[in-house]
Amino acid sequence: MPLFMGDPCQMAALTSRHQDGSYLAETMARLGIRPVRGSSGRSGAQALREAMEIVQDWHLTITPDGPRGPRRQMKDGILYLASRSRRRIVPAAFHCTSFWRLNGRWTDLLIPKPFSRVTMFLGEPLEVPVDLTRDQMAEQIQRLQRVMDEFYATAEGTALPDAETSRRAA
């Protein structure tokens, strides 16, 4: 969804090295978002090094459920990066009233249709302890999972279809 939210300001985003990630990376680059290519299975170490450099001067968007899913289940990559780079995580959730769904092997890509209402929720930045241990990492994943579950429940319960919004406004 950040692709559709207006003019990006120093924005980078992590996307896979698979073919579907290539399409997304090309689109991001055209929209002024710097793609960082890699994932847990392919070129993960290289993507992590690049992400560590980027987060010093750029905002980095990561879909934290990883390329293999399951959908909306947090993985430790985002926490590892935040812990090592000393950057905070800003939880975000999106919902759109009308969209196209591109079904992927592990996850789906939603593209808002023209004139669709897109609702974005941003949370307070979450501090992540520096140099997390494995036990601390599991605890922080559960914490982030709870926050993200609440955000998605709010986003999906709040965004109203355009027709319903028009009726309520009248």
Protein backbone atom coordinates (compact mmCIF):
# COMPACT_ATOMS: atom_id res chain seq x y z
CA MET A 1 0.00 0.00 0.00
CA PRO A 2 2.79 2.55 0.51
CA LEU A 3 3.12 2.54 -3.28
CA PHE A 4 -0.31 4.17 -3.49
CA MET A 5 -0.05 6.66 -0.64
CA GLY A 6 1.40 9.65 -2.43
CA ASP A 7 4.85 11.14 -2.84
CA PRO A 8 7.42 9.03 -0.94
CA CYS A 9 10.02 10.88 1.09
CA GLN A 10 13.34 9.02 1.35
CA MET A 11 11.45 5.71 1.12
CA ALA A 12 12.95 2.30 0.44
CA ALA A 13 11.19 -1.06 0.50
CA LEU A 14 12.26 -4.66 0.76
CA THR A 15 11.08 -6.93 -2.05
CA SER A 16 12.03 -10.43 -3.10
CA ARG A 17 14.41 -11.45 -5.87
CA HIS A 18 11.71 -13.63 -7.43
CA GLN A 19 10.03 -12.61 -10.68
CA ASP A 20 7.00 -11.09 -8.94
CA GLY A 21 9.42 -9.05 -6.82
CA SER A 22 11.05 -7.78 -10.03
CA TYR A 23 7.75 -6.31 -11.20
CA LEU A 24 7.24 -4.69 -7.81
CA ALA A 25 10.83 -3.36 -7.68
CA GLU A 26 10.47 -1.78 -11.12
CA THR A 27 7.19 -0.13 -10.11
CA MET A 28 8.70 1.13 -6.86
CA ALA A 29 11.70 2.62 -8.65
CA ARG A 30 9.41 4.47 -11.08
CA LEU A 31 7.49 5.90 -8.12
CA GLY A 32 10.64 7.09 -6.35
CA ILE A 33 10.88 4.25 -3.83
CA ARG A 34 14.31 2.61 -3.63
CA PRO A 35 13.98 -1.18 -3.88
CA VAL A 36 16.07 -3.41 -1.65
CA ARG A 37 16.13 -6.88 -3.22
CA GLY A 38 16.35 -10.04 -1.16
CA SER A 39 14.52 -12.19 1.35
CA SER A 40 15.08 -14.87 3.94
CA GLY A 41 15.57 -17.58 1.32
CA ARG A 42 17.43 -15.73 -1.45
CA SER A 43 20.14 -13.14 -0.94
CA GLY A 44 19.03 -12.49 2.63
CA ALA A 45 22.49 -11.58 3.93
CA GLN A 46 23.08 -9.15 1.06
CA ALA A 47 19.64 -7.55 1.57
CA LEU A 48 20.32 -7.22 5.31
CA ARG A 49 23.64 -5.44 4.68
CA GLU A 50 21.98 -3.08 2.21
CA ALA A 51 19.08 -2.47 4.61
CA MET A 52 21.50 -1.69 7.45
CA GLU A 53 23.06 1.02 5.30
CA ILE A 54 19.77 2.39 4.00
CA VAL A 55 18.05 2.78 7.37
CA GLN A 56 20.61 5.35 8.41
CA ASP A 57 19.17 7.88 5.93
CA TRP A 58 15.98 6.34 4.52
CA HIS A 59 12.66 5.01 5.78
CA LEU A 60 12.44 1.30 5.03
CA THR A 61 9.12 -0.44 4.41
CA ILE A 62 9.07 -4.14 5.18
CA THR A 63 6.21 -6.60 5.00
CA PRO A 64 7.14 -8.48 8.16
CA ASP A 65 5.38 -11.76 7.39
CA GLY A 66 8.12 -12.73 4.97
CA PRO A 67 7.88 -14.16 1.49
CA ARG A 68 6.74 -17.60 2.59
CA GLY A 69 4.05 -16.49 5.01
CA PRO A 70 1.89 -17.46 6.63
CA ARG A 71 0.09 -14.22 5.93
CA ARG A 72 0.28 -11.65 8.73
CA GLN A 73 2.55 -13.79 10.93
CA MET A 74 5.57 -11.78 12.08
CA LYS A 75 9.04 -13.03 11.31
CA ASP A 76 12.20 -11.96 13.10
CA GLY A 77 13.92 -10.09 10.24
CA ILE A 78 12.35 -6.72 10.97
CA LEU A 79 13.17 -7.03 14.68
CA TYR A 80 16.72 -8.12 13.97
CA LEU A 81 17.21 -5.10 11.70
CA ALA A 82 15.67 -2.71 14.25
CA SER A 83 17.76 -4.16 17.07
CA ARG A 84 21.04 -3.94 15.17
CA SER A 85 20.41 -0.56 13.53
CA ARG A 86 18.89 1.05 16.64
CA ARG A 87 15.90 2.20 14.58
CA ARG A 88 12.32 2.03 15.77
CA ILE A 89 9.52 0.11 14.08
CA VAL A 90 6.43 2.07 13.06
CA PRO A 91 3.54 -0.37 12.81
CA ALA A 92 1.20 0.28 9.90
CA ALA A 93 -1.97 -1.28 8.55
CA PHE A 94 -3.88 -0.48 5.39
CA HIS A 95 -7.33 -1.18 4.09
CA CYS A 96 -8.94 -0.24 0.80
CA THR A 97 -12.60 -0.38 -0.14
CA SER A 98 -12.13 -1.67 -3.67
CA PHE A 99 -9.09 -3.49 -5.02
CA TRP A 100 -7.63 -6.02 -7.39
CA ARG A 101 -6.02 -9.03 -5.72
CA LEU A 102 -2.99 -10.62 -7.34
CA ASN A 103 -2.68 -14.06 -5.80
CA GLY A 104 0.88 -15.06 -5.11
CA ARG A 105 2.31 -18.34 -4.00
CA TRP A 106 2.80 -17.15 -0.41
CA THR A 107 0.95 -13.89 -0.13
CA ASP A 108 -1.46 -11.66 -2.01
CA LEU A 109 -0.85 -8.22 -3.45
CA LEU A 110 -3.75 -5.79 -3.25
CA ILE A 111 -3.91 -2.92 -5.73
CA PRO A 112 -6.50 -0.23 -4.96
CA LYS A 113 -8.92 0.46 -7.78
CA PRO A 114 -9.26 4.06 -8.97
CA PHE A 115 -11.29 6.21 -6.55
CA SER A 116 -11.09 3.57 -3.85
CA ARG A 117 -10.82 4.85 -0.30
CA VAL A 118 -7.53 3.75 1.26
CA THR A 119 -7.25 3.97 5.02
CA MET A 120 -3.82 3.91 6.63
CA PHE A 121 -3.16 3.46 10.34
CA LEU A 122 0.23 4.31 11.83
CA GLY A 123 1.14 3.45 15.39
CA GLU A 124 3.56 4.92 17.82
CA PRO A 125 7.14 3.95 17.00
CA LEU A 126 8.18 0.83 18.91
CA GLU A 127 11.56 0.77 20.60
CA VAL A 128 13.43 -2.49 20.14
CA PRO A 129 16.20 -3.41 22.61
CA VAL A 130 19.70 -3.37 21.15
CA ASP A 131 21.36 -6.74 20.38
CA LEU A 132 18.40 -8.97 21.20
CA THR A 133 19.01 -12.52 22.40
CA ARG A 134 16.96 -15.39 20.92
CA ASP A 135 14.63 -15.41 23.95
CA GLN A 136 14.16 -11.66 23.75
CA MET A 137 13.56 -11.93 20.02
CA ALA A 138 10.66 -14.37 20.57
CA GLU A 139 9.16 -12.04 23.17
CA GLN A 140 9.45 -9.03 20.87
CA ILE A 141 7.91 -10.95 17.94
CA GLN A 142 4.88 -11.73 20.13
CA ARG A 143 4.66 -8.06 21.15
CA LEU A 144 4.82 -6.87 17.52
CA GLN A 145 2.32 -9.57 16.48
CA ARG A 146 -0.21 -8.31 19.06
CA VAL A 147 0.20 -4.71 17.88
CA MET A 148 -0.16 -5.64 14.21
CA ASP A 149 -3.20 -7.85 14.86
CA GLU A 150 -4.90 -4.93 16.62
CA PHE A 151 -4.00 -2.60 13.75
CA TYR A 152 -5.43 -4.89 11.09
CA ALA A 153 -8.61 -5.47 13.10
CA THR A 154 -9.02 -1.70 13.40
CA ALA A 155 -8.24 -1.08 9.73
CA GLU A 156 -10.65 -3.71 8.48
CA GLY A 157 -13.39 -2.64 10.86
CA THR A 158 -13.05 1.08 10.17
CA ALA A 159 -12.71 1.42 6.40
CA LEU A 160 -16.19 1.73 4.95
CA PRO A 161 -17.19 1.07 1.35
CA ASP A 162 -17.57 4.32 -0.60
CA ALA A 163 -21.35 3.93 -1.01
CA GLU A 164 -21.82 3.36 2.73
CA THR A 165 -19.62 6.33 3.53
CA SER A 166 -21.71 8.50 1.18
CA ARG A 167 -24.94 7.40 2.88
CA ARG A 168 -23.58 8.17 6.35
CA ALA A 169 -22.28 11.56 5.23
CA ALA A 170 -25.69 12.53 3.75
